[in-house]
Amino acid sequence: MLKKIGLVLVAVAFAILAFPNVLPHAVEMERRITIQSPPAAVYAVLADFHQYRSWDPFSANDPESTSRVEGQGLGSIYAWEGEKIGRGKMVMKDLQENARVDVLLTFEKPFPSQAHSAWIVNALDNGDTEVVWQLQQDLSYFQRYMGLIMDGVVGGNFETGLARLKAKVEVKPL
């Protein structure tokens, strides 16, 4: 009987250790929203880390978290730390005026890793703006398990953040 239990435990351990080999090595996700405001107004908020916390969905989930901004524009840094959101930073790596903001994300806690994110600003024919929030991340061996649920977990936060951005930027008629 002990031999059978031992064999089952070895088989389960092998499956846990081998399964990441068949999982995707990277995760890509995106969410989008239409904002009734011109692209320049939307871009101005996206390209300014000083405004990020006002629409950031992650710090909203961790009200005791702290953040700091260093610099302005290209090369600026947004760093955060909180019990629920961990610790990390974003660095603005590329700016294409009224079109795109690219950032490098470095997560320090709880799991060290890096990802690339972008906010893409698309002008629509009616004067509105479509914003696309993208994320691409290569996954380490055991992070591949997280890749299975990342879209469902992080995607909801992206949707919340885009809705908060819309509320912040959208011009409402008086």
C-alpha atoms as a PDB file:
ATOM      1  CA  MET A   1       0.000   0.000   0.000  1.00  0.00           C
ATOM      2  CA  LEU A   2       2.805   2.422   0.875  1.00  0.00           C
ATOM      3  CA  LYS A   3       4.467   1.619  -2.427  1.00  0.00           C
ATOM      4  CA  LYS A   4       1.293   2.588  -4.335  1.00  0.00           C
ATOM      5  CA  ILE A   5       0.986   5.857  -2.385  1.00  0.00           C
ATOM      6  CA  GLY A   6       4.640   6.580  -3.080  1.00  0.00           C
ATOM      7  CA  LEU A   7       4.159   5.941  -6.807  1.00  0.00           C
ATOM      8  CA  VAL A   8       1.108   8.213  -6.897  1.00  0.00           C
ATOM      9  CA  LEU A   9       3.042  10.965  -5.114  1.00  0.00           C
ATOM     10  CA  VAL A  10       5.954  10.623  -7.534  1.00  0.00           C
ATOM     11  CA  ALA A  11       3.552  10.749 -10.500  1.00  0.00           C
ATOM     12  CA  VAL A  12       1.833  13.877  -9.123  1.00  0.00           C
ATOM     13  CA  ALA A  13       5.160  15.575  -8.439  1.00  0.00           C
ATOM     14  CA  PHE A  14       6.364  14.714 -11.932  1.00  0.00           C
ATOM     15  CA  ALA A  15       3.158  16.108 -13.463  1.00  0.00           C
ATOM     16  CA  ILE A  16       3.481  19.355 -11.488  1.00  0.00           C
ATOM     17  CA  LEU A  17       7.105  19.748 -12.505  1.00  0.00           C
ATOM     18  CA  ALA A  18       6.637  18.724 -16.144  1.00  0.00           C
ATOM     19  CA  PHE A  19       3.336  20.472 -16.960  1.00  0.00           C
ATOM     20  CA  PRO A  20       4.875  23.957 -17.462  1.00  0.00           C
ATOM     21  CA  ASN A  21       6.697  22.534 -20.508  1.00  0.00           C
ATOM     22  CA  VAL A  22       3.390  22.430 -22.390  1.00  0.00           C
ATOM     23  CA  LEU A  23       2.128  25.825 -21.171  1.00  0.00           C
ATOM     24  CA  PRO A  24       2.683  29.064 -23.131  1.00  0.00           C
ATOM     25  CA  HIS A  25       6.047  30.732 -22.499  1.00  0.00           C
ATOM     26  CA  ALA A  26       4.517  34.219 -22.703  1.00  0.00           C
ATOM     27  CA  VAL A  27       1.269  35.998 -22.023  1.00  0.00           C
ATOM     28  CA  GLU A  28      -0.256  38.738 -24.135  1.00  0.00           C
ATOM     29  CA  MET A  29      -3.438  40.552 -23.295  1.00  0.00           C
ATOM     30  CA  GLU A  30      -5.231  43.746 -24.129  1.00  0.00           C
ATOM     31  CA  ARG A  31      -8.334  45.684 -23.277  1.00  0.00           C
ATOM     32  CA  ARG A  32      -9.837  48.671 -25.071  1.00  0.00           C
ATOM     33  CA  ILE A  33     -12.292  51.474 -24.469  1.00  0.00           C
ATOM     34  CA  THR A  34     -13.719  54.415 -26.391  1.00  0.00           C
ATOM     35  CA  ILE A  35     -13.435  57.812 -24.741  1.00  0.00           C
ATOM     36  CA  GLN A  36     -15.424  60.835 -25.860  1.00  0.00           C
ATOM     37  CA  SER A  37     -12.458  63.172 -25.877  1.00  0.00           C
ATOM     38  CA  PRO A  38      -9.789  64.113 -28.424  1.00  0.00           C
ATOM     39  CA  PRO A  39      -6.591  62.007 -28.599  1.00  0.00           C
ATOM     40  CA  ALA A  40      -4.394  64.868 -27.327  1.00  0.00           C
ATOM     41  CA  ALA A  41      -6.381  65.089 -24.074  1.00  0.00           C
ATOM     42  CA  VAL A  42      -6.185  61.336 -23.497  1.00  0.00           C
ATOM     43  CA  TYR A  43      -2.497  61.159 -24.403  1.00  0.00           C
ATOM     44  CA  ALA A  44      -1.684  64.014 -22.011  1.00  0.00           C
ATOM     45  CA  VAL A  45      -2.960  61.914 -19.091  1.00  0.00           C
ATOM     46  CA  LEU A  46      -1.347  58.673 -20.249  1.00  0.00           C
ATOM     47  CA  ALA A  47       2.070  60.272 -20.826  1.00  0.00           C
ATOM     48  CA  ASP A  48       2.183  61.860 -17.352  1.00  0.00           C
ATOM     49  CA  PHE A  49       2.950  59.493 -14.476  1.00  0.00           C
ATOM     50  CA  HIS A  50       1.969  62.312 -12.087  1.00  0.00           C
ATOM     51  CA  GLN A  51      -1.640  61.601 -13.129  1.00  0.00           C
ATOM     52  CA  TYR A  52      -1.400  57.805 -13.131  1.00  0.00           C
ATOM     53  CA  ARG A  53      -2.545  57.157  -9.556  1.00  0.00           C
ATOM     54  CA  SER A  54      -5.816  59.009 -10.222  1.00  0.00           C
ATOM     55  CA  TRP A  55      -6.926  56.269 -12.624  1.00  0.00           C
ATOM     56  CA  ASP A  56      -4.635  53.351 -11.628  1.00  0.00           C
ATOM     57  CA  PRO A  57      -6.820  50.315 -10.811  1.00  0.00           C
ATOM     58  CA  PHE A  58      -4.128  48.521  -8.828  1.00  0.00           C
ATOM     59  CA  SER A  59      -3.536  51.136  -6.125  1.00  0.00           C
ATOM     60  CA  ALA A  60      -7.317  51.508  -5.800  1.00  0.00           C
ATOM     61  CA  ASN A  61      -7.316  47.875  -4.602  1.00  0.00           C
ATOM     62  CA  ASP A  62      -4.662  48.707  -1.994  1.00  0.00           C
ATOM     63  CA  PRO A  63      -5.528  52.137  -0.524  1.00  0.00           C
ATOM     64  CA  GLU A  64      -2.654  51.984   1.972  1.00  0.00           C
ATOM     65  CA  SER A  65      -0.117  51.584  -0.842  1.00  0.00           C
ATOM     66  CA  THR A  66       2.352  54.338  -1.644  1.00  0.00           C
ATOM     67  CA  SER A  67       3.742  55.603  -4.906  1.00  0.00           C
ATOM     68  CA  ARG A  68       6.280  58.117  -6.147  1.00  0.00           C
ATOM     69  CA  VAL A  69       7.053  59.681  -9.495  1.00  0.00           C
ATOM     70  CA  GLU A  70      10.511  60.635 -10.691  1.00  0.00           C
ATOM     71  CA  GLY A  71      10.910  62.879 -13.714  1.00  0.00           C
ATOM     72  CA  GLN A  72       8.587  63.835 -16.511  1.00  0.00           C
ATOM     73  CA  GLY A  73       8.087  62.320 -19.970  1.00  0.00           C
ATOM     74  CA  LEU A  74      10.520  59.865 -21.517  1.00  0.00           C
ATOM     75  CA  GLY A  75      12.540  58.047 -18.842  1.00  0.00           C
ATOM     76  CA  SER A  76      10.207  59.045 -16.012  1.00  0.00           C
ATOM     77  CA  ILE A  77       9.521  56.470 -13.324  1.00  0.00           C
ATOM     78  CA  TYR A  78       6.404  55.507 -11.403  1.00  0.00           C
ATOM     79  CA  ALA A  79       7.243  53.309  -8.398  1.00  0.00           C
ATOM     80  CA  TRP A  80       4.746  51.648  -6.074  1.00  0.00           C
ATOM     81  CA  GLU A  81       4.673  49.580  -2.913  1.00  0.00           C
ATOM     82  CA  GLY A  82       1.810  48.033  -1.029  1.00  0.00           C
ATOM     83  CA  GLU A  83       0.814  44.976   0.915  1.00  0.00           C
ATOM     84  CA  LYS A  84      -1.605  43.757  -1.784  1.00  0.00           C
ATOM     85  CA  ILE A  85       0.057  45.152  -4.918  1.00  0.00           C
ATOM     86  CA  GLY A  86       3.644  44.315  -4.006  1.00  0.00           C
ATOM     87  CA  ARG A  87       6.552  46.495  -5.070  1.00  0.00           C
ATOM     88  CA  GLY A  88       7.733  47.550  -8.490  1.00  0.00           C
ATOM     89  CA  LYS A  89       8.152  50.352 -10.978  1.00  0.00           C
ATOM     90  CA  MET A  90       7.261  51.468 -14.484  1.00  0.00           C
ATOM     91  CA  VAL A  91       9.704  53.337 -16.716  1.00  0.00           C
ATOM     92  CA  MET A  92       8.448  55.293 -19.714  1.00  0.00           C
ATOM     93  CA  LYS A  93      10.485  53.819 -22.594  1.00  0.00           C
ATOM     94  CA  ASP A  94       8.892  55.361 -25.697  1.00  0.00           C
ATOM     95  CA  LEU A  95       6.481  58.177 -26.413  1.00  0.00           C
ATOM     96  CA  GLN A  96       4.766  58.820 -29.716  1.00  0.00           C
ATOM     97  CA  GLU A  97       2.844  62.051 -29.285  1.00  0.00           C
ATOM     98  CA  ASN A  98      -0.923  61.593 -29.270  1.00  0.00           C
ATOM     99  CA  ALA A  99      -0.467  57.965 -30.367  1.00  0.00           C
ATOM    100  CA  ARG A 100       1.367  55.683 -27.928  1.00  0.00           C
ATOM    101  CA  VAL A 101       3.072  55.340 -24.532  1.00  0.00           C
ATOM    102  CA  ASP A 102       5.346  52.325 -23.950  1.00  0.00           C
ATOM    103  CA  VAL A 103       6.483  51.330 -20.475  1.00  0.00           C
ATOM    104  CA  LEU A 104       8.770  48.704 -18.995  1.00  0.00           C
ATOM    105  CA  LEU A 105       7.320  47.161 -15.841  1.00  0.00           C
ATOM    106  CA  THR A 106       9.663  45.715 -13.247  1.00  0.00           C
ATOM    107  CA  PHE A 107       7.999  43.735 -10.483  1.00  0.00           C
ATOM    108  CA  GLU A 108      10.148  43.235  -7.374  1.00  0.00           C
ATOM    109  CA  LYS A 109       7.643  41.748  -4.909  1.00  0.00           C
ATOM    110  CA  PRO A 110       6.019  39.316  -4.523  1.00  0.00           C
ATOM    111  CA  PHE A 111       7.585  37.673  -7.622  1.00  0.00           C
ATOM    112  CA  PRO A 112      10.457  39.316  -9.509  1.00  0.00           C
ATOM    113  CA  SER A 113       9.724  39.679 -13.222  1.00  0.00           C
ATOM    114  CA  GLN A 114       9.477  42.152 -16.080  1.00  0.00           C
ATOM    115  CA  ALA A 115       6.787  42.961 -18.622  1.00  0.00           C
ATOM    116  CA  HIS A 116       6.144  45.429 -21.395  1.00  0.00           C
ATOM    117  CA  SER A 117       2.979  47.482 -21.455  1.00  0.00           C
ATOM    118  CA  ALA A 118       1.599  50.056 -23.855  1.00  0.00           C
ATOM    119  CA  TRP A 119      -1.285  52.487 -24.032  1.00  0.00           C
ATOM    120  CA  ILE A 120      -2.213  53.014 -27.661  1.00  0.00           C
ATOM    121  CA  VAL A 121      -4.267  56.085 -28.572  1.00  0.00           C
ATOM    122  CA  ASN A 122      -6.323  55.812 -31.765  1.00  0.00           C
ATOM    123  CA  ALA A 123      -8.245  58.774 -33.170  1.00  0.00           C
ATOM    124  CA  LEU A 124     -11.729  57.803 -34.354  1.00  0.00           C
ATOM    125  CA  ASP A 125     -13.553  59.484 -37.231  1.00  0.00           C
ATOM    126  CA  ASN A 126     -16.183  61.009 -34.933  1.00  0.00           C
ATOM    127  CA  GLY A 127     -13.565  62.819 -32.786  1.00  0.00           C
ATOM    128  CA  ASP A 128     -13.572  60.214 -30.021  1.00  0.00           C
ATOM    129  CA  THR A 129     -10.511  58.250 -28.976  1.00  0.00           C
ATOM    130  CA  GLU A 130      -9.997  54.521 -28.640  1.00  0.00           C
ATOM    131  CA  VAL A 131      -7.455  53.522 -25.987  1.00  0.00           C
ATOM    132  CA  VAL A 132      -5.900  50.060 -26.095  1.00  0.00           C
ATOM    133  CA  TRP A 133      -4.008  48.827 -23.013  1.00  0.00           C
ATOM    134  CA  GLN A 134      -1.620  46.000 -23.891  1.00  0.00           C
ATOM    135  CA  LEU A 135       0.652  43.775 -21.820  1.00  0.00           C
ATOM    136  CA  GLN A 136       3.291  41.298 -22.978  1.00  0.00           C
ATOM    137  CA  GLN A 137       5.325  39.218 -20.571  1.00  0.00           C
ATOM    138  CA  ASP A 138       7.714  36.301 -20.962  1.00  0.00           C
ATOM    139  CA  LEU A 139       7.034  33.781 -18.223  1.00  0.00           C
ATOM    140  CA  SER A 140       9.600  31.880 -16.227  1.00  0.00           C
ATOM    141  CA  TYR A 141       9.082  28.157 -15.869  1.00  0.00           C
ATOM    142  CA  PHE A 142       6.762  28.170 -12.854  1.00  0.00           C
ATOM    143  CA  GLN A 143       5.159  31.536 -13.744  1.00  0.00           C
ATOM    144  CA  ARG A 144       3.542  29.705 -16.651  1.00  0.00           C
ATOM    145  CA  TYR A 145       0.923  28.464 -14.197  1.00  0.00           C
ATOM    146  CA  MET A 146       0.056  32.113 -13.487  1.00  0.00           C
ATOM    147  CA  GLY A 147      -0.225  32.677 -17.232  1.00  0.00           C
ATOM    148  CA  LEU A 148      -3.310  30.443 -17.211  1.00  0.00           C
ATOM    149  CA  ILE A 149      -5.268  32.917 -15.060  1.00  0.00           C
ATOM    150  CA  MET A 150      -3.520  36.210 -15.820  1.00  0.00           C
ATOM    151  CA  ASP A 151      -5.972  37.437 -18.447  1.00  0.00           C
ATOM    152  CA  GLY A 152      -8.912  36.810 -16.140  1.00  0.00           C
ATOM    153  CA  VAL A 153      -7.280  38.446 -13.120  1.00  0.00           C
ATOM    154  CA  VAL A 154      -5.301  41.314 -14.633  1.00  0.00           C
ATOM    155  CA  GLY A 155      -7.751  41.887 -17.491  1.00  0.00           C
ATOM    156  CA  GLY A 156     -10.430  42.951 -15.024  1.00  0.00           C
ATOM    157  CA  ASN A 157      -8.037  45.472 -13.536  1.00  0.00           C
ATOM    158  CA  PHE A 158      -7.258  46.818 -17.018  1.00  0.00           C
ATOM    159  CA  GLU A 159     -10.999  47.248 -17.644  1.00  0.00           C
ATOM    160  CA  THR A 160     -11.407  49.082 -14.339  1.00  0.00           C
ATOM    161  CA  GLY A 161      -8.419  51.310 -15.067  1.00  0.00           C
ATOM    162  CA  LEU A 162      -9.689  52.183 -18.532  1.00  0.00           C
ATOM    163  CA  ALA A 163     -13.121  53.022 -17.095  1.00  0.00           C
ATOM    164  CA  ARG A 164     -11.446  55.281 -14.506  1.00  0.00           C
ATOM    165  CA  LEU A 165      -9.352  56.904 -17.254  1.00  0.00           C
ATOM    166  CA  LYS A 166     -12.528  57.510 -19.262  1.00  0.00           C
ATOM    167  CA  ALA A 167     -14.239  59.132 -16.265  1.00  0.00           C
ATOM    168  CA  LYS A 168     -11.192  61.348 -15.689  1.00  0.00           C
ATOM    169  CA  VAL A 169     -10.699  62.500 -19.279  1.00  0.00           C
ATOM    170  CA  GLU A 170     -14.076  62.405 -20.939  1.00  0.00           C
ATOM    171  CA  VAL A 171     -15.594  65.764 -21.680  1.00  0.00           C
ATOM    172  CA  LYS A 172     -19.183  65.867 -20.509  1.00  0.00           C
ATOM    173  CA  PRO A 173     -21.607  68.366 -22.054  1.00  0.00           C
ATOM    174  CA  LEU A 174     -22.894  70.921 -19.550  1.00  0.00           C
END
